Amino acid sequence: MFVWQFLLLVRSAMDAKPSLCQAVGELMLFCVVAEEETMVRWESKAQPVAKAYRRKREVGNAATYRECLHSIGIQPPVTHVVAKRPSKARVLEQADELRMGQSWPVRPVLRGFPDESTAEKQRSKAAGKREGKQADKDKDSNKDKKVKEVKAWDADDCRDTFPDSVLCAPGVVTFVRCCGYIVGFELFRETESPAHVVSALEQRFKRVPRVDYFDTA
């Protein structure tokens, strides 16, 4: 997408200057070769723990993921909805959607949600600064301090529950096909980001789609 837009912008200049055309071609060739060498270099430099993590996530199996959740004490959802046998499976699935804040019909979770620790630290640091500034304002104006709700999330970030104590979610992301058919949606736990979208797709797809469009609406 970016390359195509760039070529549209410089097409006239490239026609007028063969040297510029050659430079653009060499740059694109360099990018292609660099991308091909990325995994080779990663294999030679990655630590054993990183390679083990990749092997663990390569399989992508719903039953294996459920066993993993059970091993850390996360039980299947409980529902009080009474249903006939043909609808029982869907009722349990719906209860799971309710507690997770995610809905992906006929697409079970294949892997855990990868936690991006750097982004989490940055968000926590920014939140701490905001809270500090707000506390100073409240102190200066002698206002009563309100107790801030804490979002209850597990440390391993397996996303087994959505914090129902939070009244207003940061937003929602909707996943659609090119034809407009909705395949799933999720409530955000934090502010939206392309990293969240990629991680959510990796959770549900054996292989992540080659092309994804991210629109912040």
N, C-alpha and C. Protein backbone atom coordinates (compact mmCIF):
# COMPACT_ATOMS: atom_id res chain seq x y z
N MET A 1 0.83 -1.21 0.00
CA MET A 1 0.00 0.00 0.00
C MET A 1 0.87 1.26 0.00
N PHE A 2 1.88 1.29 0.88
CA PHE A 2 2.73 2.49 0.97
C PHE A 2 3.61 2.64 -0.27
N VAL A 3 4.10 1.51 -0.77
CA VAL A 3 4.95 1.56 -1.96
C VAL A 3 4.16 2.08 -3.16
N TRP A 4 2.92 1.58 -3.31
CA TRP A 4 2.08 2.00 -4.44
C TRP A 4 1.81 3.51 -4.38
N GLN A 5 1.48 4.01 -3.19
CA GLN A 5 1.22 5.44 -3.05
C GLN A 5 2.48 6.26 -3.36
N PHE A 6 3.63 5.76 -2.90
CA PHE A 6 4.89 6.46 -3.16
C PHE A 6 5.18 6.53 -4.66
N LEU A 7 4.97 5.40 -5.35
CA LEU A 7 5.24 5.37 -6.79
C LEU A 7 4.31 6.31 -7.56
N LEU A 8 3.06 6.43 -7.09
CA LEU A 8 2.13 7.36 -7.73
C LEU A 8 2.61 8.80 -7.59
N LEU A 9 3.21 9.11 -6.44
CA LEU A 9 3.65 10.48 -6.19
C LEU A 9 4.90 10.84 -7.00
N VAL A 10 5.79 9.87 -7.21
CA VAL A 10 7.07 10.20 -7.86
C VAL A 10 7.15 9.69 -9.30
N ARG A 11 6.05 9.20 -9.85
CA ARG A 11 6.11 8.58 -11.19
C ARG A 11 6.63 9.56 -12.25
N SER A 12 6.19 10.81 -12.21
CA SER A 12 6.62 11.78 -13.21
C SER A 12 8.10 12.11 -13.07
N ALA A 13 8.55 12.26 -11.83
CA ALA A 13 9.96 12.55 -11.58
C ALA A 13 10.84 11.38 -11.99
N MET A 14 10.34 10.15 -11.80
CA MET A 14 11.12 8.97 -12.20
C MET A 14 11.23 8.88 -13.73
N ASP A 15 10.16 9.28 -14.43
CA ASP A 15 10.23 9.28 -15.89
C ASP A 15 11.23 10.31 -16.40
N ALA A 16 11.32 11.43 -15.67
CA ALA A 16 12.20 12.52 -16.11
C ALA A 16 13.66 12.26 -15.74
N LYS A 17 13.90 11.50 -14.65
CA LYS A 17 15.28 11.29 -14.18
C LYS A 17 15.55 9.79 -14.03
N PRO A 18 16.24 9.20 -15.00
CA PRO A 18 16.58 7.77 -14.92
C PRO A 18 17.35 7.41 -13.65
N SER A 19 18.18 8.33 -13.16
CA SER A 19 18.96 8.03 -11.95
C SER A 19 18.04 7.85 -10.74
N LEU A 20 16.98 8.66 -10.65
CA LEU A 20 16.01 8.51 -9.57
C LEU A 20 15.28 7.19 -9.70
N CYS A 21 14.92 6.83 -10.92
CA CYS A 21 14.23 5.57 -11.16
C CYS A 21 15.10 4.39 -10.71
N GLN A 22 16.40 4.47 -11.02
CA GLN A 22 17.32 3.42 -10.62
C GLN A 22 17.45 3.35 -9.10
N ALA A 23 17.52 4.51 -8.46
CA ALA A 23 17.65 4.56 -6.99
C ALA A 23 16.43 3.93 -6.31
N VAL A 24 15.23 4.24 -6.83
CA VAL A 24 14.01 3.67 -6.25
C VAL A 24 14.00 2.15 -6.43
N GLY A 25 14.40 1.70 -7.62
CA GLY A 25 14.45 0.27 -7.88
C GLY A 25 15.41 -0.46 -6.95
N GLU A 26 16.59 0.14 -6.72
CA GLU A 26 17.57 -0.47 -5.84
C GLU A 26 17.07 -0.51 -4.39
N LEU A 27 16.39 0.55 -3.98
CA LEU A 27 15.84 0.58 -2.63
C LEU A 27 14.79 -0.51 -2.43
N MET A 28 13.90 -0.68 -3.41
CA MET A 28 12.87 -1.72 -3.31
C MET A 28 13.49 -3.11 -3.30
N LEU A 29 14.52 -3.31 -4.13
CA LEU A 29 15.20 -4.60 -4.16
C LEU A 29 15.86 -4.89 -2.82
N PHE A 30 16.47 -3.86 -2.23
CA PHE A 30 17.10 -4.02 -0.92
C PHE A 30 16.07 -4.44 0.13
N CYS A 31 14.89 -3.82 0.09
CA CYS A 31 13.83 -4.15 1.06
C CYS A 31 13.38 -5.60 0.92
N VAL A 32 13.23 -6.06 -0.34
CA VAL A 32 12.80 -7.44 -0.58
C VAL A 32 13.83 -8.43 -0.05
N VAL A 33 15.11 -8.17 -0.34
CA VAL A 33 16.18 -9.06 0.13
C VAL A 33 16.28 -9.04 1.65
N ALA A 34 16.14 -7.85 2.24
CA ALA A 34 16.21 -7.72 3.70
C ALA A 34 15.09 -8.51 4.36
N GLU A 35 13.90 -8.48 3.77
CA GLU A 35 12.77 -9.22 4.34
C GLU A 35 13.00 -10.73 4.25
N GLU A 36 13.60 -11.17 3.15
CA GLU A 36 13.88 -12.59 2.99
C GLU A 36 14.93 -13.08 4.00
N GLU A 37 15.84 -12.19 4.39
CA GLU A 37 16.91 -12.57 5.31
C GLU A 37 16.52 -12.41 6.77
N THR A 38 15.37 -11.81 7.04
CA THR A 38 14.98 -11.52 8.42
C THR A 38 14.93 -12.79 9.27
N MET A 39 14.19 -13.81 8.80
CA MET A 39 14.03 -15.04 9.58
C MET A 39 15.35 -15.80 9.70
N VAL A 40 16.18 -15.74 8.66
CA VAL A 40 17.49 -16.42 8.72
C VAL A 40 18.34 -15.80 9.83
N ARG A 41 18.35 -14.48 9.90
CA ARG A 41 19.12 -13.81 10.95
C ARG A 41 18.52 -14.06 12.33
N TRP A 42 17.18 -14.10 12.37
CA TRP A 42 16.53 -14.36 13.65
C TRP A 42 16.91 -15.75 14.17
N GLU A 43 16.91 -16.74 13.28
CA GLU A 43 17.27 -18.09 13.67
C GLU A 43 18.69 -18.15 14.25
N SER A 44 19.60 -17.35 13.70
CA SER A 44 20.99 -17.41 14.14
C SER A 44 21.23 -16.65 15.45
N LYS A 45 20.35 -15.68 15.77
CA LYS A 45 20.59 -14.83 16.94
C LYS A 45 19.58 -15.02 18.07
N ALA A 46 18.43 -15.63 17.78
CA ALA A 46 17.38 -15.76 18.80
C ALA A 46 17.83 -16.67 19.94
N GLN A 47 17.42 -16.33 21.15
CA GLN A 47 17.72 -17.14 22.32
C GLN A 47 16.86 -18.40 22.33
N PRO A 48 17.32 -19.47 23.00
CA PRO A 48 16.54 -20.72 23.06
C PRO A 48 15.11 -20.51 23.58
N VAL A 49 14.95 -19.60 24.55
CA VAL A 49 13.61 -19.37 25.10
C VAL A 49 12.68 -18.77 24.05
N ALA A 50 13.23 -17.92 23.17
CA ALA A 50 12.42 -17.32 22.11
C ALA A 50 12.01 -18.38 21.09
N LYS A 51 12.92 -19.28 20.75
CA LYS A 51 12.61 -20.35 19.80
C LYS A 51 11.59 -21.32 20.38
N ALA A 52 11.71 -21.60 21.68
CA ALA A 52 10.74 -22.48 22.33
C ALA A 52 9.35 -21.85 22.34
N TYR A 53 9.30 -20.53 22.56
CA TYR A 53 8.03 -19.82 22.54
C TYR A 53 7.40 -19.89 21.15
N ARG A 54 8.21 -19.76 20.10
CA ARG A 54 7.69 -19.83 18.74
C ARG A 54 7.14 -21.22 18.44
N ARG A 55 7.89 -22.27 18.83
CA ARG A 55 7.41 -23.64 18.59
C ARG A 55 6.09 -23.90 19.30
N LYS A 56 5.96 -23.33 20.50
CA LYS A 56 4.73 -23.51 21.27
C LYS A 56 3.54 -22.88 20.57
N ARG A 57 3.74 -21.73 19.93
CA ARG A 57 2.64 -21.00 19.30
C ARG A 57 2.39 -21.41 17.86
N GLU A 58 3.33 -22.14 17.25
CA GLU A 58 3.18 -22.52 15.85
C GLU A 58 2.00 -23.47 15.65
N VAL A 59 1.77 -24.35 16.60
CA VAL A 59 0.74 -25.39 16.45
C VAL A 59 -0.64 -24.76 16.33
N GLY A 60 -1.03 -23.96 17.31
CA GLY A 60 -2.35 -23.34 17.27
C GLY A 60 -3.48 -24.35 17.37
N ASN A 61 -3.70 -24.87 18.57
CA ASN A 61 -4.70 -25.92 18.79
C ASN A 61 -5.63 -25.52 19.92
N ALA A 62 -6.94 -25.55 19.65
CA ALA A 62 -7.92 -25.10 20.64
C ALA A 62 -7.92 -26.00 21.88
N ALA A 63 -7.81 -27.32 21.68
CA ALA A 63 -7.81 -28.24 22.82
C ALA A 63 -6.59 -28.01 23.71
N THR A 64 -5.42 -27.80 23.09
CA THR A 64 -4.20 -27.54 23.84
C THR A 64 -4.32 -26.25 24.65
N TYR A 65 -4.96 -25.24 24.05
CA TYR A 65 -5.13 -23.96 24.76
C TYR A 65 -6.07 -24.14 25.96
N ARG A 66 -7.14 -24.91 25.78
CA ARG A 66 -8.07 -25.15 26.90
C ARG A 66 -7.36 -25.90 28.03
N GLU A 67 -6.51 -26.85 27.68
CA GLU A 67 -5.74 -27.58 28.70
C GLU A 67 -4.81 -26.63 29.45
N CYS A 68 -4.23 -25.69 28.71
CA CYS A 68 -3.34 -24.70 29.34
C CYS A 68 -4.10 -23.84 30.34
N LEU A 69 -5.31 -23.39 29.96
CA LEU A 69 -6.13 -22.59 30.87
C LEU A 69 -6.49 -23.39 32.12
N HIS A 70 -6.86 -24.66 31.92
CA HIS A 70 -7.23 -25.51 33.04
C HIS A 70 -6.06 -25.72 34.00
N SER A 71 -4.83 -25.80 33.43
CA SER A 71 -3.64 -26.03 34.25
C SER A 71 -3.33 -24.85 35.17
N ILE A 72 -3.77 -23.65 34.79
CA ILE A 72 -3.52 -22.48 35.64
C ILE A 72 -4.76 -22.07 36.44
N GLY A 73 -5.73 -22.99 36.47
CA GLY A 73 -6.88 -22.80 37.35
C GLY A 73 -8.07 -22.08 36.76
N ILE A 74 -8.12 -21.90 35.45
CA ILE A 74 -9.25 -21.22 34.82
C ILE A 74 -10.27 -22.26 34.37
N GLN A 75 -11.45 -22.18 34.91
CA GLN A 75 -12.49 -23.18 34.66
C GLN A 75 -13.39 -22.74 33.49
N PRO A 76 -14.11 -23.70 32.88
CA PRO A 76 -15.07 -23.35 31.83
C PRO A 76 -16.13 -22.40 32.36
N PRO A 77 -16.79 -21.64 31.49
CA PRO A 77 -17.80 -20.67 31.96
C PRO A 77 -19.01 -21.37 32.57
N VAL A 78 -19.63 -20.67 33.50
CA VAL A 78 -20.85 -21.17 34.14
C VAL A 78 -22.01 -20.29 33.71
N THR A 79 -23.11 -20.90 33.32
CA THR A 79 -24.28 -20.14 32.89
C THR A 79 -25.52 -20.66 33.59
N HIS A 80 -26.46 -19.75 33.84
CA HIS A 80 -27.73 -20.12 34.46
C HIS A 80 -28.86 -20.17 33.44
N VAL A 81 -28.50 -20.04 32.18
CA VAL A 81 -29.49 -20.10 31.11
C VAL A 81 -29.87 -21.57 30.88
N VAL A 82 -31.17 -21.85 30.87
CA VAL A 82 -31.65 -23.20 30.62
C VAL A 82 -31.92 -23.35 29.12
N ALA A 83 -31.32 -24.38 28.52
CA ALA A 83 -31.47 -24.56 27.08
C ALA A 83 -31.64 -26.03 26.74
N LYS A 84 -32.31 -26.29 25.63
CA LYS A 84 -32.45 -27.64 25.12
C LYS A 84 -31.11 -28.11 24.54
N ARG A 85 -30.99 -29.40 24.29
CA ARG A 85 -29.73 -29.97 23.88
C ARG A 85 -29.14 -29.32 22.62
N PRO A 86 -29.91 -29.02 21.57
CA PRO A 86 -29.31 -28.41 20.38
C PRO A 86 -28.67 -27.05 20.64
N SER A 87 -29.12 -26.36 21.72
CA SER A 87 -28.63 -24.99 21.97
C SER A 87 -27.62 -24.92 23.12
N LYS A 88 -27.36 -26.05 23.79
CA LYS A 88 -26.50 -26.02 24.97
C LYS A 88 -25.09 -25.55 24.64
N ALA A 89 -24.55 -26.04 23.53
CA ALA A 89 -23.19 -25.66 23.16
C ALA A 89 -23.09 -24.17 22.89
N ARG A 90 -24.12 -23.62 22.21
CA ARG A 90 -24.12 -22.19 21.91
C ARG A 90 -24.28 -21.35 23.18
N VAL A 91 -25.06 -21.83 24.14
CA VAL A 91 -25.26 -21.10 25.39
C VAL A 91 -23.94 -21.00 26.16
N LEU A 92 -23.17 -22.10 26.20
CA LEU A 92 -21.87 -22.08 26.87
C LEU A 92 -20.90 -21.14 26.14
N GLU A 93 -20.95 -21.18 24.81
CA GLU A 93 -20.10 -20.29 24.02
C GLU A 93 -20.45 -18.83 24.30
N GLN A 94 -21.74 -18.57 24.44
CA GLN A 94 -22.19 -17.20 24.70
C GLN A 94 -21.73 -16.74 26.09
N ALA A 95 -21.77 -17.64 27.05
CA ALA A 95 -21.30 -17.30 28.39
C ALA A 95 -19.80 -16.98 28.37
N ASP A 96 -19.06 -17.71 27.54
CA ASP A 96 -17.62 -17.45 27.41
C ASP A 96 -17.38 -16.08 26.76
N GLU A 97 -18.19 -15.75 25.76
CA GLU A 97 -18.08 -14.45 25.10
C GLU A 97 -18.35 -13.32 26.09
N LEU A 98 -19.32 -13.53 26.95
CA LEU A 98 -19.70 -12.50 27.92
C LEU A 98 -18.58 -12.22 28.90
N ARG A 99 -17.92 -13.27 29.37
CA ARG A 99 -16.87 -13.05 30.37
C ARG A 99 -15.56 -12.58 29.75
N MET A 100 -15.34 -12.84 28.45
CA MET A 100 -14.10 -12.44 27.80
C MET A 100 -14.21 -11.10 27.09
N GLY A 101 -15.44 -10.67 26.74
CA GLY A 101 -15.57 -9.45 25.96
C GLY A 101 -15.18 -9.65 24.51
N GLN A 102 -15.25 -10.90 24.03
CA GLN A 102 -14.88 -11.24 22.66
C GLN A 102 -15.96 -12.12 22.04
N SER A 103 -16.23 -11.91 20.78
CA SER A 103 -17.20 -12.74 20.07
C SER A 103 -16.65 -13.10 18.70
N TRP A 104 -16.30 -14.38 18.53
CA TRP A 104 -15.80 -14.91 17.26
C TRP A 104 -16.56 -16.20 16.96
N PRO A 105 -17.78 -16.13 16.46
CA PRO A 105 -18.54 -17.34 16.20
C PRO A 105 -17.77 -18.31 15.30
N VAL A 106 -17.79 -19.58 15.69
CA VAL A 106 -17.14 -20.71 15.01
C VAL A 106 -15.63 -20.54 14.87
N ARG A 107 -15.04 -19.61 15.61
CA ARG A 107 -13.58 -19.48 15.60
C ARG A 107 -13.06 -19.55 17.04
N PRO A 108 -12.75 -20.76 17.52
CA PRO A 108 -12.27 -20.90 18.91
C PRO A 108 -10.88 -20.30 19.08
N VAL A 109 -10.51 -20.07 20.33
CA VAL A 109 -9.18 -19.54 20.64
C VAL A 109 -8.15 -20.65 20.43
N LEU A 110 -7.13 -20.38 19.63
CA LEU A 110 -6.10 -21.37 19.33
C LEU A 110 -4.83 -21.15 20.14
N ARG A 111 -4.58 -19.90 20.55
CA ARG A 111 -3.36 -19.56 21.27
C ARG A 111 -3.66 -18.50 22.32
N GLY A 112 -2.76 -18.34 23.26
CA GLY A 112 -2.89 -17.27 24.23
C GLY A 112 -2.64 -15.92 23.56
N PHE A 113 -3.07 -14.87 24.22
CA PHE A 113 -2.88 -13.51 23.70
C PHE A 113 -1.49 -13.03 24.08
N PRO A 114 -0.61 -12.77 23.09
CA PRO A 114 0.76 -12.35 23.44
C PRO A 114 0.77 -11.00 24.12
N ASP A 115 1.45 -10.92 25.24
CA ASP A 115 1.51 -9.68 26.03
C ASP A 115 2.70 -8.85 25.57
N GLU A 116 2.43 -7.61 25.21
CA GLU A 116 3.50 -6.70 24.79
C GLU A 116 3.93 -5.90 26.00
N SER A 117 4.97 -6.39 26.69
CA SER A 117 5.35 -5.82 27.97
C SER A 117 5.80 -4.37 27.85
N THR A 118 6.49 -4.02 26.77
CA THR A 118 6.98 -2.65 26.63
C THR A 118 5.82 -1.66 26.56
N ALA A 119 4.82 -1.99 25.75
CA ALA A 119 3.66 -1.10 25.64
C ALA A 119 2.92 -1.01 26.96
N GLU A 120 2.82 -2.14 27.68
CA GLU A 120 2.15 -2.13 28.98
C GLU A 120 2.86 -1.19 29.95
N LYS A 121 4.20 -1.25 29.96
CA LYS A 121 4.97 -0.38 30.86
C LYS A 121 4.76 1.09 30.51
N GLN A 122 4.74 1.39 29.21
CA GLN A 122 4.55 2.77 28.78
C GLN A 122 3.17 3.28 29.18
N ARG A 123 2.15 2.42 29.00
CA ARG A 123 0.78 2.82 29.39
C ARG A 123 0.69 3.04 30.89
N SER A 124 1.33 2.13 31.66
CA SER A 124 1.28 2.25 33.12
C SER A 124 2.00 3.52 33.58
N LYS A 125 3.14 3.83 32.93
CA LYS A 125 3.89 5.03 33.29
C LYS A 125 3.08 6.28 32.99
N ALA A 126 2.42 6.30 31.81
CA ALA A 126 1.61 7.45 31.45
C ALA A 126 0.42 7.61 32.39
N ALA A 127 -0.18 6.47 32.76
CA ALA A 127 -1.32 6.51 33.68
C ALA A 127 -0.89 7.05 35.05
N GLY A 128 0.33 6.64 35.48
CA GLY A 128 0.84 7.13 36.76
C GLY A 128 1.04 8.63 36.76
N LYS A 129 1.54 9.17 35.65
CA LYS A 129 1.73 10.62 35.54
C LYS A 129 0.39 11.35 35.60
N ARG A 130 -0.60 10.79 34.87
CA ARG A 130 -1.93 11.43 34.88
C ARG A 130 -2.53 11.43 36.27
N GLU A 131 -2.39 10.32 36.97
CA GLU A 131 -2.94 10.22 38.33
C GLU A 131 -2.23 11.21 39.26
N GLY A 132 -0.90 11.35 39.08
CA GLY A 132 -0.16 12.28 39.93
C GLY A 132 -0.59 13.72 39.73
N LYS A 133 -0.79 14.11 38.47
CA LYS A 133 -1.24 15.46 38.16
C LYS A 133 -2.65 15.70 38.72
N GLN A 134 -3.50 14.69 38.58
CA GLN A 134 -4.87 14.83 39.08
C GLN A 134 -4.88 14.95 40.59
N ALA A 135 -4.00 14.20 41.25
CA ALA A 135 -3.94 14.25 42.72
C ALA A 135 -3.49 15.64 43.18
N ASP A 136 -2.53 16.23 42.45
CA ASP A 136 -2.06 17.58 42.80
C ASP A 136 -3.18 18.60 42.64
N LYS A 137 -3.97 18.45 41.57
CA LYS A 137 -5.09 19.37 41.34
C LYS A 137 -6.12 19.25 42.45
N ASP A 138 -6.42 17.99 42.81
CA ASP A 138 -7.42 17.77 43.86
C ASP A 138 -6.94 18.33 45.20
N LYS A 139 -5.64 18.21 45.44
CA LYS A 139 -5.09 18.71 46.70
C LYS A 139 -5.17 20.23 46.75
N ASP A 140 -4.87 20.86 45.65
CA ASP A 140 -4.90 22.31 45.60
C ASP A 140 -6.32 22.87 45.74
N SER A 141 -7.28 22.18 45.18
CA SER A 141 -8.66 22.68 45.21
C SER A 141 -9.47 22.12 46.37
N ASN A 142 -8.80 21.30 47.24
CA ASN A 142 -9.45 20.71 48.41
C ASN A 142 -10.70 19.90 48.04
N LYS A 143 -10.60 19.22 46.93
CA LYS A 143 -11.72 18.37 46.51
C LYS A 143 -11.55 16.98 47.10
N ASP A 144 -12.68 16.29 47.26
CA ASP A 144 -12.63 14.91 47.74
C ASP A 144 -12.09 14.02 46.64
N LYS A 145 -11.16 13.16 46.99
CA LYS A 145 -10.59 12.24 46.02
C LYS A 145 -11.52 11.04 45.83
N LYS A 146 -11.70 10.70 44.58
CA LYS A 146 -12.53 9.54 44.27
C LYS A 146 -11.63 8.31 44.10
N VAL A 147 -12.10 7.18 44.59
CA VAL A 147 -11.34 5.94 44.45
C VAL A 147 -11.47 5.45 43.01
N LYS A 148 -10.33 5.28 42.37
CA LYS A 148 -10.33 4.86 40.97
C LYS A 148 -10.51 3.35 40.87
N GLU A 149 -11.40 2.92 39.97
CA GLU A 149 -11.62 1.49 39.77
C GLU A 149 -10.39 0.85 39.14
N VAL A 150 -10.06 -0.32 39.61
CA VAL A 150 -8.91 -1.05 39.08
C VAL A 150 -9.42 -2.18 38.19
N LYS A 151 -8.86 -2.25 36.99
CA LYS A 151 -9.25 -3.32 36.08
C LYS A 151 -8.61 -4.63 36.51
N ALA A 152 -9.43 -5.63 36.71
CA ALA A 152 -8.92 -6.91 37.19
C ALA A 152 -8.51 -7.79 36.01
N TRP A 153 -7.20 -7.89 35.80
CA TRP A 153 -6.69 -8.74 34.73
C TRP A 153 -5.59 -9.63 35.28
N ASP A 154 -5.54 -10.85 34.80
CA ASP A 154 -4.53 -11.78 35.27
C ASP A 154 -3.15 -11.38 34.76
N ALA A 155 -2.12 -11.75 35.53
CA ALA A 155 -0.76 -11.34 35.19
C ALA A 155 -0.29 -11.95 33.88
N ASP A 156 -0.75 -13.16 33.56
CA ASP A 156 -0.30 -13.80 32.33
C ASP A 156 -1.07 -13.32 31.11
N ASP A 157 -2.05 -12.45 31.31
CA ASP A 157 -2.77 -11.84 30.21
C ASP A 157 -3.42 -12.87 29.28
N CYS A 158 -4.03 -13.89 29.88
CA CYS A 158 -4.67 -14.92 29.05
C CYS A 158 -6.06 -14.48 28.60
N ARG A 159 -6.54 -13.35 29.08
CA ARG A 159 -7.81 -12.76 28.66
C ARG A 159 -8.97 -13.72 28.89
N ASP A 160 -8.97 -14.42 30.01
CA ASP A 160 -10.06 -15.35 30.27
C ASP A 160 -11.30 -14.64 30.80
N THR A 161 -11.14 -13.43 31.31
CA THR A 161 -12.30 -12.69 31.80
C THR A 161 -12.21 -11.24 31.36
N PHE A 162 -13.36 -10.64 31.15
CA PHE A 162 -13.41 -9.21 30.85
C PHE A 162 -13.86 -8.51 32.13
N PRO A 163 -13.21 -7.41 32.54
CA PRO A 163 -13.54 -6.76 33.81
C PRO A 163 -14.94 -6.15 33.82
N ASP A 164 -15.89 -6.88 34.41
CA ASP A 164 -17.27 -6.40 34.39
C ASP A 164 -17.50 -5.24 35.35
N SER A 165 -16.49 -4.91 36.19
CA SER A 165 -16.64 -3.78 37.10
C SER A 165 -16.45 -2.45 36.38
N VAL A 166 -15.91 -2.49 35.18
CA VAL A 166 -15.71 -1.26 34.41
C VAL A 166 -16.97 -0.96 33.62
N LEU A 167 -17.54 0.20 33.84
CA LEU A 167 -18.81 0.54 33.19
C LEU A 167 -18.62 0.93 31.74
N CYS A 168 -17.53 1.63 31.45
CA CYS A 168 -17.29 2.10 30.08
C CYS A 168 -15.99 1.51 29.56
N ALA A 169 -16.07 0.70 28.51
CA ALA A 169 -14.88 0.12 27.90
C ALA A 169 -14.18 1.17 27.04
N PRO A 170 -12.85 1.02 26.83
CA PRO A 170 -12.12 2.00 26.00
C PRO A 170 -12.59 2.01 24.55
N GLY A 171 -13.29 0.99 24.12
CA GLY A 171 -13.75 0.95 22.73
C GLY A 171 -13.98 -0.48 22.27
N VAL A 172 -14.27 -0.62 21.01
CA VAL A 172 -14.51 -1.95 20.44
C VAL A 172 -13.85 -2.02 19.07
N VAL A 173 -13.31 -3.18 18.73
CA VAL A 173 -12.73 -3.40 17.41
C VAL A 173 -13.56 -4.46 16.71
N THR A 174 -13.95 -4.18 15.48
CA THR A 174 -14.77 -5.09 14.69
C THR A 174 -13.93 -5.65 13.54
N PHE A 175 -13.96 -6.95 13.39
CA PHE A 175 -13.20 -7.62 12.33
C PHE A 175 -14.17 -8.01 11.21
N VAL A 176 -13.91 -7.52 10.02
CA VAL A 176 -14.81 -7.77 8.89
C VAL A 176 -14.01 -8.26 7.69
N ARG A 177 -14.68 -9.02 6.84
CA ARG A 177 -14.08 -9.41 5.57
C ARG A 177 -14.22 -8.25 4.58
N CYS A 178 -13.56 -8.41 3.44
CA CYS A 178 -13.62 -7.34 2.43
C CYS A 178 -15.03 -7.09 1.95
N CYS A 179 -15.89 -8.12 2.02
CA CYS A 179 -17.27 -7.97 1.56
C CYS A 179 -18.15 -7.28 2.60
N GLY A 180 -17.60 -7.03 3.81
CA GLY A 180 -18.37 -6.38 4.85
C GLY A 180 -18.97 -7.33 5.87
N TYR A 181 -18.79 -8.64 5.68
CA TYR A 181 -19.33 -9.64 6.61
C TYR A 181 -18.52 -9.63 7.90
N ILE A 182 -19.18 -9.45 9.04
CA ILE A 182 -18.50 -9.39 10.33
C ILE A 182 -18.14 -10.80 10.79
N VAL A 183 -16.86 -11.02 11.09
CA VAL A 183 -16.41 -12.33 11.55
C VAL A 183 -16.16 -12.35 13.05
N GLY A 184 -16.07 -11.18 13.69
CA GLY A 184 -15.87 -11.14 15.13
C GLY A 184 -15.68 -9.72 15.62
N PHE A 185 -15.81 -9.54 16.93
CA PHE A 185 -15.51 -8.24 17.53
C PHE A 185 -15.03 -8.45 18.96
N GLU A 186 -14.29 -7.47 19.45
CA GLU A 186 -13.74 -7.53 20.80
C GLU A 186 -13.86 -6.17 21.48
N LEU A 187 -14.10 -6.19 22.78
CA LEU A 187 -14.04 -4.98 23.58
C LEU A 187 -12.59 -4.75 23.98
N PHE A 188 -12.14 -3.52 23.85
CA PHE A 188 -10.76 -3.20 24.21
C PHE A 188 -10.59 -3.21 25.72
N ARG A 189 -9.43 -3.65 26.18
CA ARG A 189 -9.07 -3.51 27.60
C ARG A 189 -8.26 -2.25 27.82
N GLU A 190 -7.59 -1.78 26.74
CA GLU A 190 -6.81 -0.55 26.78
C GLU A 190 -7.11 0.23 25.50
N THR A 191 -6.35 1.29 25.26
CA THR A 191 -6.56 2.04 24.04
C THR A 191 -6.20 1.18 22.82
N GLU A 192 -6.86 1.48 21.71
CA GLU A 192 -6.68 0.65 20.52
C GLU A 192 -5.28 0.80 19.93
N SER A 193 -4.84 -0.25 19.24
CA SER A 193 -3.54 -0.23 18.57
C SER A 193 -3.50 -1.33 17.53
N PRO A 194 -2.71 -1.14 16.46
CA PRO A 194 -2.57 -2.21 15.46
C PRO A 194 -2.01 -3.49 16.07
N ALA A 195 -1.17 -3.37 17.11
CA ALA A 195 -0.60 -4.56 17.76
C ALA A 195 -1.71 -5.43 18.35
N HIS A 196 -2.73 -4.81 18.92
CA HIS A 196 -3.86 -5.56 19.48
C HIS A 196 -4.58 -6.34 18.37
N VAL A 197 -4.76 -5.69 17.23
CA VAL A 197 -5.46 -6.34 16.12
C VAL A 197 -4.70 -7.56 15.63
N VAL A 198 -3.39 -7.42 15.45
CA VAL A 198 -2.57 -8.54 14.98
C VAL A 198 -2.59 -9.68 16.00
N SER A 199 -2.49 -9.34 17.28
CA SER A 199 -2.50 -10.37 18.32
C SER A 199 -3.84 -11.10 18.37
N ALA A 200 -4.93 -10.36 18.20
CA ALA A 200 -6.26 -10.98 18.21
C ALA A 200 -6.42 -11.93 17.03
N LEU A 201 -5.91 -11.53 15.86
CA LEU A 201 -5.98 -12.41 14.69
C LEU A 201 -5.14 -13.67 14.91
N GLU A 202 -3.99 -13.51 15.54
CA GLU A 202 -3.13 -14.66 15.79
C GLU A 202 -3.79 -15.64 16.75
N GLN A 203 -4.61 -15.11 17.65
CA GLN A 203 -5.32 -15.97 18.59
C GLN A 203 -6.32 -16.88 17.90
N ARG A 204 -6.94 -16.39 16.83
CA ARG A 204 -8.07 -17.10 16.23
C ARG A 204 -7.77 -17.80 14.91
N PHE A 205 -6.68 -17.43 14.24
CA PHE A 205 -6.38 -18.00 12.93
C PHE A 205 -5.13 -18.87 13.00
N LYS A 206 -5.17 -20.01 12.31
CA LYS A 206 -3.98 -20.85 12.19
C LYS A 206 -2.85 -20.05 11.57
N ARG A 207 -3.17 -19.36 10.48
CA ARG A 207 -2.22 -18.48 9.82
C ARG A 207 -2.87 -17.11 9.67
N VAL A 208 -2.17 -16.07 10.11
CA VAL A 208 -2.71 -14.71 10.03
C VAL A 208 -2.86 -14.32 8.56
N PRO A 209 -3.99 -13.69 8.18
CA PRO A 209 -4.17 -13.24 6.79
C PRO A 209 -2.99 -12.40 6.31
N ARG A 210 -2.62 -12.56 5.05
CA ARG A 210 -1.45 -11.86 4.52
C ARG A 210 -1.66 -10.35 4.47
N VAL A 211 -2.88 -9.91 4.23
CA VAL A 211 -3.17 -8.48 4.13
C VAL A 211 -4.28 -8.12 5.11
N ASP A 212 -4.03 -7.11 5.92
CA ASP A 212 -5.03 -6.64 6.89
C ASP A 212 -5.14 -5.12 6.77
N TYR A 213 -6.34 -4.62 6.80
CA TYR A 213 -6.57 -3.17 6.78
C TYR A 213 -7.04 -2.73 8.15
N PHE A 214 -6.35 -1.74 8.70
CA PHE A 214 -6.67 -1.23 10.04
C PHE A 214 -7.23 0.19 9.89
N ASP A 215 -8.47 0.38 10.30
CA ASP A 215 -9.12 1.68 10.17
C ASP A 215 -9.59 2.13 11.54
N THR A 216 -9.14 3.31 11.98
CA THR A 216 -9.53 3.81 13.30
C THR A 216 -10.87 4.55 13.28
N ALA A 217 -11.55 4.49 12.14
CA ALA A 217 -12.90 5.10 12.02
C ALA A 217 -12.88 6.57 12.40
